[in-house]
N, C-alpha and C. Protein backbone atom coordinates (compact mmCIF):
# COMPACT_ATOMS: atom_id res chain seq x y z
N MET A 1 -26.81 -5.58 -53.82
CA MET A 1 -27.58 -6.38 -54.76
C MET A 1 -28.15 -5.43 -55.82
N THR A 2 -27.96 -5.78 -57.08
CA THR A 2 -28.44 -4.92 -58.16
C THR A 2 -29.94 -5.12 -58.37
N LYS A 3 -30.53 -4.19 -59.12
CA LYS A 3 -31.96 -4.30 -59.40
C LYS A 3 -32.28 -5.58 -60.15
N GLU A 4 -31.43 -5.94 -61.08
CA GLU A 4 -31.65 -7.16 -61.87
C GLU A 4 -31.64 -8.40 -60.96
N GLU A 5 -30.72 -8.41 -60.00
CA GLU A 5 -30.65 -9.53 -59.07
C GLU A 5 -31.90 -9.59 -58.19
N LYS A 6 -32.37 -8.42 -57.78
CA LYS A 6 -33.59 -8.37 -56.97
C LYS A 6 -34.79 -8.87 -57.78
N TYR A 7 -34.90 -8.44 -59.03
CA TYR A 7 -35.99 -8.90 -59.89
C TYR A 7 -35.93 -10.41 -60.08
N ALA A 8 -34.72 -10.91 -60.29
CA ALA A 8 -34.55 -12.36 -60.47
C ALA A 8 -34.95 -13.11 -59.20
N LEU A 9 -34.59 -12.55 -58.03
CA LEU A 9 -34.94 -13.19 -56.77
C LEU A 9 -36.46 -13.17 -56.54
N VAL A 10 -37.10 -12.05 -56.88
CA VAL A 10 -38.56 -11.96 -56.76
C VAL A 10 -39.21 -12.96 -57.70
N ASP A 11 -38.70 -13.08 -58.92
CA ASP A 11 -39.23 -14.06 -59.88
C ASP A 11 -39.09 -15.48 -59.34
N GLU A 12 -37.91 -15.78 -58.80
CA GLU A 12 -37.67 -17.11 -58.23
C GLU A 12 -38.62 -17.40 -57.07
N LEU A 13 -38.78 -16.41 -56.20
CA LEU A 13 -39.65 -16.58 -55.03
C LEU A 13 -41.11 -16.71 -55.45
N ALA A 14 -41.54 -15.91 -56.41
CA ALA A 14 -42.92 -16.00 -56.90
C ALA A 14 -43.17 -17.37 -57.53
N GLU A 15 -42.16 -17.89 -58.21
CA GLU A 15 -42.27 -19.23 -58.81
C GLU A 15 -42.41 -20.30 -57.72
N LYS A 16 -41.66 -20.13 -56.63
CA LYS A 16 -41.76 -21.08 -55.50
C LYS A 16 -43.14 -21.01 -54.87
N PHE A 17 -43.67 -19.79 -54.71
CA PHE A 17 -45.01 -19.64 -54.15
C PHE A 17 -46.03 -20.34 -55.03
N GLY A 18 -45.83 -20.31 -56.33
CA GLY A 18 -46.74 -21.00 -57.24
C GLY A 18 -46.56 -22.51 -57.20
N GLU A 19 -45.33 -22.94 -56.99
CA GLU A 19 -45.00 -24.37 -56.98
C GLU A 19 -45.43 -25.05 -55.68
N TYR A 20 -45.26 -24.35 -54.57
CA TYR A 20 -45.56 -24.91 -53.26
C TYR A 20 -46.93 -24.41 -52.80
N SER A 21 -47.80 -25.32 -52.42
CA SER A 21 -49.14 -24.95 -51.95
C SER A 21 -49.12 -24.47 -50.51
N PHE A 22 -48.04 -24.81 -49.80
CA PHE A 22 -47.97 -24.50 -48.38
C PHE A 22 -46.63 -23.84 -48.07
N PHE A 23 -46.68 -22.71 -47.37
CA PHE A 23 -45.44 -22.13 -46.87
C PHE A 23 -45.70 -21.39 -45.57
N TYR A 24 -44.68 -21.38 -44.73
CA TYR A 24 -44.74 -20.74 -43.43
C TYR A 24 -43.70 -19.62 -43.39
N LEU A 25 -44.08 -18.48 -42.83
CA LEU A 25 -43.14 -17.38 -42.58
C LEU A 25 -42.67 -17.51 -41.14
N THR A 26 -41.37 -17.44 -40.94
CA THR A 26 -40.82 -17.58 -39.60
C THR A 26 -39.86 -16.45 -39.29
N ASP A 27 -39.59 -16.27 -38.02
CA ASP A 27 -38.62 -15.29 -37.55
C ASP A 27 -37.46 -16.06 -36.94
N ALA A 28 -36.30 -15.96 -37.59
CA ALA A 28 -35.13 -16.68 -37.10
C ALA A 28 -34.12 -15.73 -36.47
N SER A 29 -34.53 -14.48 -36.19
CA SER A 29 -33.59 -13.52 -35.61
C SER A 29 -33.11 -14.05 -34.26
N GLY A 30 -31.85 -13.85 -34.01
CA GLY A 30 -31.26 -14.32 -32.76
C GLY A 30 -30.74 -15.74 -32.81
N MET A 31 -31.04 -16.45 -33.89
CA MET A 31 -30.53 -17.82 -34.02
C MET A 31 -29.10 -17.77 -34.56
N THR A 32 -28.28 -18.65 -34.08
CA THR A 32 -26.91 -18.73 -34.59
C THR A 32 -26.94 -19.40 -35.97
N VAL A 33 -25.88 -19.21 -36.71
CA VAL A 33 -25.77 -19.84 -38.03
C VAL A 33 -25.83 -21.36 -37.87
N ALA A 34 -25.21 -21.88 -36.83
CA ALA A 34 -25.21 -23.32 -36.60
C ALA A 34 -26.64 -23.84 -36.37
N LYS A 35 -27.44 -23.09 -35.59
CA LYS A 35 -28.82 -23.50 -35.32
C LYS A 35 -29.68 -23.42 -36.59
N ILE A 36 -29.48 -22.37 -37.39
CA ILE A 36 -30.23 -22.25 -38.64
C ILE A 36 -29.86 -23.40 -39.57
N ASN A 37 -28.58 -23.74 -39.64
CA ASN A 37 -28.17 -24.87 -40.48
C ASN A 37 -28.73 -26.19 -39.97
N GLU A 38 -28.79 -26.35 -38.65
CA GLU A 38 -29.40 -27.55 -38.06
C GLU A 38 -30.88 -27.63 -38.46
N PHE A 39 -31.56 -26.49 -38.38
CA PHE A 39 -32.96 -26.44 -38.76
C PHE A 39 -33.13 -26.75 -40.26
N ARG A 40 -32.27 -26.21 -41.09
CA ARG A 40 -32.33 -26.47 -42.54
C ARG A 40 -32.14 -27.96 -42.83
N ARG A 41 -31.21 -28.59 -42.12
CA ARG A 41 -30.97 -30.04 -42.32
C ARG A 41 -32.22 -30.84 -41.97
N LEU A 42 -32.87 -30.46 -40.85
CA LEU A 42 -34.10 -31.14 -40.45
C LEU A 42 -35.17 -30.96 -41.52
N CYS A 43 -35.28 -29.74 -42.05
CA CYS A 43 -36.24 -29.47 -43.13
C CYS A 43 -35.95 -30.36 -44.33
N TYR A 44 -34.70 -30.44 -44.70
CA TYR A 44 -34.29 -31.22 -45.87
C TYR A 44 -34.62 -32.70 -45.68
N THR A 45 -34.37 -33.23 -44.49
CA THR A 45 -34.65 -34.66 -44.25
C THR A 45 -36.14 -34.96 -44.32
N ARG A 46 -36.98 -33.95 -44.10
CA ARG A 46 -38.43 -34.15 -44.15
C ARG A 46 -39.04 -33.64 -45.45
N GLY A 47 -38.20 -33.37 -46.43
CA GLY A 47 -38.70 -32.99 -47.76
C GLY A 47 -39.19 -31.55 -47.85
N MET A 48 -38.67 -30.68 -46.99
CA MET A 48 -39.07 -29.27 -47.01
C MET A 48 -37.83 -28.41 -47.27
N GLU A 49 -38.08 -27.15 -47.54
CA GLU A 49 -36.99 -26.23 -47.83
C GLU A 49 -37.16 -24.98 -46.98
N TYR A 50 -36.04 -24.47 -46.46
CA TYR A 50 -36.07 -23.26 -45.64
C TYR A 50 -35.04 -22.26 -46.16
N LYS A 51 -35.51 -21.04 -46.45
CA LYS A 51 -34.63 -19.97 -46.91
C LYS A 51 -35.01 -18.66 -46.26
N VAL A 52 -34.01 -17.79 -46.08
CA VAL A 52 -34.23 -16.46 -45.51
C VAL A 52 -34.24 -15.45 -46.65
N TYR A 53 -35.24 -14.56 -46.63
CA TYR A 53 -35.39 -13.52 -47.66
C TYR A 53 -35.65 -12.18 -47.01
N LYS A 54 -35.43 -11.11 -47.78
CA LYS A 54 -35.78 -9.77 -47.32
C LYS A 54 -37.30 -9.61 -47.42
N ASN A 55 -37.88 -8.92 -46.46
CA ASN A 55 -39.33 -8.74 -46.41
C ASN A 55 -39.89 -8.04 -47.65
N THR A 56 -39.18 -7.05 -48.17
CA THR A 56 -39.68 -6.33 -49.36
C THR A 56 -39.75 -7.26 -50.56
N LEU A 57 -38.80 -8.18 -50.68
CA LEU A 57 -38.82 -9.13 -51.79
C LEU A 57 -39.95 -10.15 -51.61
N ILE A 58 -40.18 -10.54 -50.37
CA ILE A 58 -41.28 -11.47 -50.08
C ILE A 58 -42.61 -10.81 -50.46
N ARG A 59 -42.80 -9.55 -50.06
CA ARG A 59 -44.05 -8.84 -50.35
C ARG A 59 -44.27 -8.75 -51.86
N LYS A 60 -43.22 -8.41 -52.62
CA LYS A 60 -43.35 -8.29 -54.08
C LYS A 60 -43.72 -9.64 -54.70
N ALA A 61 -43.15 -10.72 -54.19
CA ALA A 61 -43.48 -12.05 -54.70
C ALA A 61 -44.90 -12.44 -54.30
N LEU A 62 -45.31 -12.09 -53.08
CA LEU A 62 -46.67 -12.41 -52.62
C LEU A 62 -47.72 -11.68 -53.47
N ASP A 63 -47.39 -10.48 -53.94
CA ASP A 63 -48.31 -9.72 -54.77
C ASP A 63 -48.66 -10.45 -56.05
N ARG A 64 -47.82 -11.36 -56.47
CA ARG A 64 -48.06 -12.13 -57.70
C ARG A 64 -48.96 -13.34 -57.47
N LEU A 65 -49.18 -13.69 -56.20
CA LEU A 65 -50.07 -14.82 -55.89
C LEU A 65 -51.51 -14.42 -56.14
N SER A 66 -52.31 -15.38 -56.56
CA SER A 66 -53.74 -15.08 -56.67
C SER A 66 -54.33 -15.10 -55.27
N GLY A 67 -55.25 -14.24 -55.02
CA GLY A 67 -55.85 -14.14 -53.68
C GLY A 67 -55.24 -13.00 -52.90
N ASP A 68 -55.86 -12.70 -51.78
CA ASP A 68 -55.45 -11.58 -50.94
C ASP A 68 -54.47 -12.07 -49.88
N THR A 69 -53.26 -11.54 -49.92
CA THR A 69 -52.25 -11.91 -48.93
C THR A 69 -51.86 -10.73 -48.04
N ALA A 70 -52.66 -9.68 -48.06
CA ALA A 70 -52.35 -8.47 -47.29
C ALA A 70 -52.26 -8.75 -45.79
N GLU A 71 -53.00 -9.76 -45.32
CA GLU A 71 -52.97 -10.11 -43.90
C GLU A 71 -51.57 -10.52 -43.45
N LEU A 72 -50.78 -11.03 -44.38
CA LEU A 72 -49.42 -11.46 -44.04
C LEU A 72 -48.47 -10.29 -43.84
N ASP A 73 -48.88 -9.08 -44.21
CA ASP A 73 -48.01 -7.91 -44.04
C ASP A 73 -47.59 -7.74 -42.60
N ALA A 74 -48.47 -8.07 -41.67
CA ALA A 74 -48.13 -7.96 -40.24
C ALA A 74 -46.99 -8.90 -39.88
N ALA A 75 -46.85 -9.98 -40.61
CA ALA A 75 -45.80 -10.95 -40.34
C ALA A 75 -44.47 -10.56 -40.98
N LEU A 76 -44.50 -9.63 -41.91
CA LEU A 76 -43.28 -9.26 -42.63
C LEU A 76 -42.53 -8.15 -41.90
N LYS A 77 -42.07 -8.47 -40.72
CA LYS A 77 -41.25 -7.56 -39.92
C LYS A 77 -40.08 -8.36 -39.38
N GLY A 78 -38.95 -7.72 -39.21
CA GLY A 78 -37.77 -8.41 -38.70
C GLY A 78 -37.21 -9.35 -39.76
N GLN A 79 -36.41 -10.29 -39.30
CA GLN A 79 -35.81 -11.26 -40.23
C GLN A 79 -36.84 -12.33 -40.57
N SER A 80 -37.05 -12.58 -41.85
CA SER A 80 -38.06 -13.55 -42.27
C SER A 80 -37.45 -14.71 -43.05
N GLY A 81 -37.80 -15.89 -42.62
CA GLY A 81 -37.44 -17.09 -43.34
C GLY A 81 -38.71 -17.75 -43.83
N ILE A 82 -38.61 -18.47 -44.92
CA ILE A 82 -39.79 -19.14 -45.46
C ILE A 82 -39.53 -20.64 -45.49
N LEU A 83 -40.48 -21.37 -44.95
CA LEU A 83 -40.45 -22.82 -44.90
C LEU A 83 -41.45 -23.34 -45.92
N PHE A 84 -40.95 -23.98 -46.97
CA PHE A 84 -41.79 -24.47 -48.07
C PHE A 84 -42.08 -25.95 -47.91
N SER A 85 -43.34 -26.35 -48.18
CA SER A 85 -43.74 -27.75 -48.12
C SER A 85 -44.71 -28.05 -49.26
N LYS A 86 -44.48 -29.14 -49.97
CA LYS A 86 -45.37 -29.53 -51.08
C LYS A 86 -46.47 -30.48 -50.62
N GLU A 87 -46.14 -31.32 -49.67
CA GLU A 87 -47.00 -32.44 -49.33
C GLU A 87 -48.17 -32.11 -48.40
N SER A 88 -47.88 -31.39 -47.32
CA SER A 88 -48.90 -31.23 -46.29
C SER A 88 -48.80 -29.86 -45.64
N GLY A 89 -49.97 -29.30 -45.32
CA GLY A 89 -50.00 -28.02 -44.64
C GLY A 89 -49.61 -28.12 -43.17
N SER A 90 -49.77 -29.29 -42.59
CA SER A 90 -49.45 -29.45 -41.17
C SER A 90 -48.01 -29.90 -40.95
N ALA A 91 -47.35 -30.42 -41.97
CA ALA A 91 -45.98 -30.93 -41.82
C ALA A 91 -45.01 -29.87 -41.31
N PRO A 92 -45.03 -28.63 -41.83
CA PRO A 92 -44.10 -27.63 -41.29
C PRO A 92 -44.38 -27.30 -39.82
N ALA A 93 -45.64 -27.28 -39.43
CA ALA A 93 -45.98 -27.00 -38.02
C ALA A 93 -45.45 -28.12 -37.13
N LYS A 94 -45.60 -29.34 -37.57
CA LYS A 94 -45.09 -30.48 -36.80
C LYS A 94 -43.56 -30.44 -36.73
N LEU A 95 -42.94 -30.04 -37.83
CA LEU A 95 -41.49 -29.91 -37.87
C LEU A 95 -41.02 -28.84 -36.88
N LEU A 96 -41.69 -27.69 -36.86
CA LEU A 96 -41.34 -26.63 -35.91
C LEU A 96 -41.47 -27.12 -34.47
N LYS A 97 -42.57 -27.81 -34.17
CA LYS A 97 -42.78 -28.32 -32.81
C LYS A 97 -41.69 -29.32 -32.42
N ASP A 98 -41.33 -30.21 -33.36
CA ASP A 98 -40.26 -31.18 -33.09
C ASP A 98 -38.92 -30.48 -32.86
N PHE A 99 -38.66 -29.45 -33.66
CA PHE A 99 -37.41 -28.71 -33.50
C PHE A 99 -37.37 -28.01 -32.14
N TYR A 100 -38.50 -27.43 -31.73
CA TYR A 100 -38.56 -26.77 -30.42
C TYR A 100 -38.27 -27.77 -29.30
N LYS A 101 -38.86 -28.97 -29.41
CA LYS A 101 -38.62 -30.00 -28.38
C LYS A 101 -37.14 -30.38 -28.32
N SER A 102 -36.52 -30.52 -29.50
CA SER A 102 -35.12 -30.92 -29.54
C SER A 102 -34.20 -29.84 -28.98
N GLN A 103 -34.65 -28.59 -28.98
CA GLN A 103 -33.84 -27.48 -28.48
C GLN A 103 -34.07 -27.20 -27.01
N ASN A 104 -35.03 -27.90 -26.39
CA ASN A 104 -35.34 -27.75 -24.97
C ASN A 104 -35.63 -26.30 -24.57
N TYR A 105 -36.52 -25.66 -25.30
CA TYR A 105 -36.90 -24.29 -24.96
C TYR A 105 -37.72 -24.29 -23.68
N GLY A 106 -37.42 -23.34 -22.79
CA GLY A 106 -38.17 -23.22 -21.54
C GLY A 106 -39.48 -22.48 -21.78
N LYS A 107 -40.28 -22.38 -20.72
CA LYS A 107 -41.60 -21.73 -20.83
C LYS A 107 -41.48 -20.24 -21.11
N ASN A 108 -40.48 -19.58 -20.59
CA ASN A 108 -40.36 -18.13 -20.74
C ASN A 108 -39.50 -17.72 -21.91
N VAL A 109 -39.06 -18.67 -22.71
CA VAL A 109 -38.20 -18.37 -23.85
C VAL A 109 -38.99 -18.59 -25.13
N GLU A 110 -38.97 -17.58 -26.02
CA GLU A 110 -39.67 -17.73 -27.30
C GLU A 110 -38.85 -18.66 -28.19
N PRO A 111 -39.47 -19.75 -28.64
CA PRO A 111 -38.74 -20.68 -29.50
C PRO A 111 -38.45 -20.05 -30.86
N LYS A 112 -37.33 -20.44 -31.43
CA LYS A 112 -36.94 -19.95 -32.75
C LYS A 112 -36.65 -21.13 -33.65
N PRO A 113 -36.93 -21.05 -34.91
CA PRO A 113 -37.58 -19.96 -35.62
C PRO A 113 -39.06 -19.90 -35.25
N ALA A 114 -39.50 -18.68 -34.88
CA ALA A 114 -40.88 -18.48 -34.43
C ALA A 114 -41.81 -18.34 -35.63
N LEU A 115 -42.97 -18.94 -35.53
CA LEU A 115 -43.97 -18.83 -36.59
C LEU A 115 -44.52 -17.42 -36.62
N LYS A 116 -44.50 -16.80 -37.81
CA LYS A 116 -45.08 -15.47 -37.98
C LYS A 116 -46.37 -15.54 -38.78
N GLY A 117 -46.45 -16.50 -39.69
CA GLY A 117 -47.65 -16.65 -40.51
C GLY A 117 -47.52 -17.86 -41.41
N ALA A 118 -48.65 -18.26 -41.97
CA ALA A 118 -48.65 -19.43 -42.86
C ALA A 118 -49.68 -19.23 -43.97
N TYR A 119 -49.38 -19.83 -45.11
CA TYR A 119 -50.26 -19.80 -46.28
C TYR A 119 -50.51 -21.26 -46.66
N LEU A 120 -51.77 -21.69 -46.56
CA LEU A 120 -52.12 -23.07 -46.88
C LEU A 120 -53.23 -23.06 -47.92
N ASP A 121 -52.88 -23.34 -49.15
CA ASP A 121 -53.87 -23.36 -50.24
C ASP A 121 -54.78 -22.15 -50.20
N SER A 122 -54.21 -20.98 -50.14
CA SER A 122 -54.88 -19.67 -50.15
C SER A 122 -55.57 -19.31 -48.82
N ASP A 123 -55.41 -20.12 -47.78
CA ASP A 123 -55.88 -19.75 -46.44
C ASP A 123 -54.69 -19.17 -45.68
N LEU A 124 -54.94 -18.09 -44.94
CA LEU A 124 -53.87 -17.42 -44.21
C LEU A 124 -54.03 -17.61 -42.71
N PHE A 125 -52.91 -17.81 -42.05
CA PHE A 125 -52.85 -17.93 -40.60
C PHE A 125 -51.73 -17.01 -40.14
N VAL A 126 -52.02 -16.09 -39.23
CA VAL A 126 -51.02 -15.13 -38.79
C VAL A 126 -50.84 -15.24 -37.28
N GLY A 127 -49.58 -15.34 -36.86
CA GLY A 127 -49.25 -15.34 -35.44
C GLY A 127 -48.76 -16.69 -34.95
N ALA A 128 -47.87 -16.63 -33.98
CA ALA A 128 -47.30 -17.85 -33.40
C ALA A 128 -48.35 -18.68 -32.68
N ASN A 129 -49.44 -18.04 -32.25
CA ASN A 129 -50.50 -18.77 -31.55
C ASN A 129 -51.26 -19.72 -32.48
N GLN A 130 -51.01 -19.66 -33.76
CA GLN A 130 -51.67 -20.53 -34.73
C GLN A 130 -50.96 -21.88 -34.91
N LEU A 131 -49.82 -22.06 -34.27
CA LEU A 131 -49.02 -23.28 -34.47
C LEU A 131 -49.79 -24.55 -34.13
N GLU A 132 -50.49 -24.57 -33.00
CA GLU A 132 -51.25 -25.76 -32.61
C GLU A 132 -52.35 -26.07 -33.63
N THR A 133 -53.03 -25.05 -34.08
CA THR A 133 -54.09 -25.23 -35.09
C THR A 133 -53.50 -25.80 -36.36
N LEU A 134 -52.38 -25.24 -36.80
CA LEU A 134 -51.74 -25.70 -38.04
C LEU A 134 -51.24 -27.14 -37.92
N ALA A 135 -50.79 -27.52 -36.74
CA ALA A 135 -50.26 -28.88 -36.55
C ALA A 135 -51.36 -29.93 -36.63
N THR A 136 -52.62 -29.53 -36.36
CA THR A 136 -53.71 -30.51 -36.37
C THR A 136 -54.46 -30.56 -37.70
N ILE A 137 -54.12 -29.68 -38.63
CA ILE A 137 -54.80 -29.70 -39.93
C ILE A 137 -54.43 -30.98 -40.67
N LYS A 138 -55.41 -31.64 -41.18
CA LYS A 138 -55.17 -32.89 -41.89
C LYS A 138 -54.75 -32.61 -43.33
N GLY A 139 -53.83 -33.40 -43.81
CA GLY A 139 -53.35 -33.28 -45.17
C GLY A 139 -54.32 -33.93 -46.16
N LYS A 140 -54.10 -33.68 -47.41
CA LYS A 140 -54.96 -34.20 -48.47
C LYS A 140 -55.03 -35.72 -48.43
N GLN A 141 -53.89 -36.38 -48.28
CA GLN A 141 -53.86 -37.84 -48.26
C GLN A 141 -54.61 -38.40 -47.05
N GLU A 142 -54.48 -37.74 -45.90
CA GLU A 142 -55.20 -38.19 -44.69
C GLU A 142 -56.70 -38.07 -44.89
N LEU A 143 -57.14 -36.96 -45.48
CA LEU A 143 -58.57 -36.75 -45.73
C LEU A 143 -59.11 -37.77 -46.73
N ILE A 144 -58.36 -38.04 -47.78
CA ILE A 144 -58.79 -39.04 -48.77
C ILE A 144 -58.90 -40.41 -48.10
N GLY A 145 -57.93 -40.75 -47.26
CA GLY A 145 -57.97 -42.03 -46.55
C GLY A 145 -59.19 -42.14 -45.65
N GLU A 146 -59.53 -41.06 -44.95
CA GLU A 146 -60.71 -41.08 -44.08
C GLU A 146 -61.99 -41.22 -44.89
N ILE A 147 -62.07 -40.53 -46.02
CA ILE A 147 -63.26 -40.61 -46.86
C ILE A 147 -63.43 -42.03 -47.40
N ILE A 148 -62.34 -42.63 -47.85
CA ILE A 148 -62.40 -44.00 -48.35
C ILE A 148 -62.84 -44.95 -47.24
N GLY A 149 -62.31 -44.74 -46.04
CA GLY A 149 -62.71 -45.57 -44.89
C GLY A 149 -64.19 -45.42 -44.58
N LEU A 150 -64.68 -44.17 -44.64
CA LEU A 150 -66.10 -43.94 -44.39
C LEU A 150 -66.98 -44.56 -45.47
N LEU A 151 -66.53 -44.50 -46.70
CA LEU A 151 -67.31 -45.09 -47.80
C LEU A 151 -67.32 -46.61 -47.73
N GLN A 152 -66.22 -47.19 -47.27
CA GLN A 152 -66.14 -48.65 -47.18
C GLN A 152 -66.90 -49.19 -45.98
N SER A 153 -67.02 -48.42 -44.94
CA SER A 153 -67.63 -48.87 -43.71
C SER A 153 -69.06 -49.39 -43.88
N PRO A 154 -69.98 -48.66 -44.54
CA PRO A 154 -71.34 -49.19 -44.70
C PRO A 154 -71.37 -50.49 -45.51
N ALA A 155 -70.55 -50.57 -46.54
CA ALA A 155 -70.52 -51.79 -47.36
C ALA A 155 -70.04 -52.97 -46.52
N LYS A 156 -69.01 -52.76 -45.70
CA LYS A 156 -68.50 -53.82 -44.84
C LYS A 156 -69.57 -54.27 -43.85
N ASN A 157 -70.32 -53.31 -43.29
CA ASN A 157 -71.37 -53.65 -42.33
C ASN A 157 -72.47 -54.47 -42.99
N VAL A 158 -72.88 -54.11 -44.21
CA VAL A 158 -73.93 -54.86 -44.92
C VAL A 158 -73.45 -56.27 -45.23
N ILE A 159 -72.22 -56.39 -45.73
CA ILE A 159 -71.68 -57.72 -46.06
C ILE A 159 -71.59 -58.57 -44.80
N SER A 160 -71.13 -57.96 -43.72
CA SER A 160 -71.01 -58.69 -42.45
C SER A 160 -72.38 -59.15 -41.97
N ALA A 161 -73.36 -58.27 -42.03
CA ALA A 161 -74.71 -58.62 -41.58
C ALA A 161 -75.31 -59.72 -42.45
N LEU A 162 -75.10 -59.63 -43.75
CA LEU A 162 -75.65 -60.65 -44.65
C LEU A 162 -74.99 -62.00 -44.43
N SER A 163 -73.69 -62.01 -44.25
CA SER A 163 -73.02 -63.29 -44.09
C SER A 163 -73.35 -63.92 -42.74
N SER A 164 -73.41 -63.13 -41.68
CA SER A 164 -73.76 -63.71 -40.39
C SER A 164 -75.25 -63.98 -40.31
N GLY A 165 -76.05 -63.10 -40.92
CA GLY A 165 -77.50 -63.28 -40.90
C GLY A 165 -77.92 -64.49 -41.72
N GLY A 166 -77.18 -64.80 -42.75
CA GLY A 166 -77.50 -65.96 -43.59
C GLY A 166 -77.47 -67.24 -42.79
N ASN A 167 -76.49 -67.38 -41.94
CA ASN A 167 -76.38 -68.57 -41.09
C ASN A 167 -77.54 -68.63 -40.11
N LYS A 168 -77.89 -67.50 -39.53
CA LYS A 168 -79.01 -67.45 -38.58
C LYS A 168 -80.32 -67.78 -39.30
N LEU A 169 -80.50 -67.18 -40.47
CA LEU A 169 -81.73 -67.40 -41.23
C LEU A 169 -81.88 -68.88 -41.61
N ALA A 170 -80.79 -69.49 -42.04
CA ALA A 170 -80.84 -70.92 -42.38
C ALA A 170 -81.18 -71.75 -41.15
N GLY A 171 -80.63 -71.39 -40.02
CA GLY A 171 -80.92 -72.11 -38.77
C GLY A 171 -82.37 -71.97 -38.36
N ILE A 172 -82.94 -70.77 -38.52
CA ILE A 172 -84.35 -70.54 -38.16
C ILE A 172 -85.25 -71.34 -39.08
N LEU A 173 -84.97 -71.30 -40.40
CA LEU A 173 -85.79 -72.06 -41.36
C LEU A 173 -85.73 -73.56 -41.08
N LYS A 174 -84.56 -74.06 -40.74
CA LYS A 174 -84.41 -75.49 -40.44
C LYS A 174 -85.21 -75.84 -39.20
N THR A 175 -85.15 -75.01 -38.17
CA THR A 175 -85.89 -75.24 -36.94
C THR A 175 -87.39 -75.23 -37.21
N LEU A 176 -87.87 -74.27 -37.99
CA LEU A 176 -89.29 -74.19 -38.33
C LEU A 176 -89.74 -75.42 -39.12
N SER A 177 -88.92 -75.85 -40.09
CA SER A 177 -89.33 -77.02 -40.89
C SER A 177 -89.33 -78.29 -40.02
N GLU A 178 -88.44 -78.40 -39.07
CA GLU A 178 -88.41 -79.54 -38.18
C GLU A 178 -89.64 -79.56 -37.28
N LYS A 179 -90.10 -78.37 -36.82
CA LYS A 179 -91.28 -78.28 -35.99
C LYS A 179 -92.49 -78.69 -36.77
N GLU A 180 -92.58 -78.30 -38.07
CA GLU A 180 -93.72 -78.67 -38.90
C GLU A 180 -93.75 -80.18 -39.12
N GLU A 181 -92.61 -80.76 -39.33
CA GLU A 181 -92.53 -82.21 -39.54
C GLU A 181 -92.94 -82.96 -38.26
N ALA A 182 -92.49 -82.45 -37.11
CA ALA A 182 -92.80 -83.09 -35.85
C ALA A 182 -94.30 -82.93 -35.52
N ALA A 183 -94.88 -81.80 -35.90
CA ALA A 183 -96.28 -81.55 -35.61
C ALA A 183 -97.15 -82.32 -36.58
N GLY A 184 -96.69 -82.58 -37.75
CA GLY A 184 -97.54 -83.15 -38.79
C GLY A 184 -97.47 -84.60 -38.89
């Protein structure tokens, strides 16, 4: 690969890092080409992209990101693939977990592609042990939905109380006026 090709690849990768708010670094070493292609197809069906890059090119592209990404250097060893996602920070983690289930990995076998690190809106997660945490992170749309639900909840309770209380209040007033008429 010529220097110009490497520069072009770093430019392309840096552009992807800018375009995608979420990406995961994985280790696909030991996977067959057929398994990597199966994984890529799964990524594609879920609106994500998976590509393998050289670690030195990844580091050069990461240097162009705003924020400190030095923590990811520990993840840049061995064969590195990058899983890009636009929509959700937890979607790639869920995809990895689903892929592991479909491959029937045993307890003593390290699943591949193994999570090495993740970048979620300038937050860094390093290590395969972060997969469960990443899978439970709520996406922007989920958080907005919860906030809207929370904001609507008090209004619904007030409207419900007023509408049901109105019937009770009318019944109490009617009973009181009937007692006054009967007493008077």
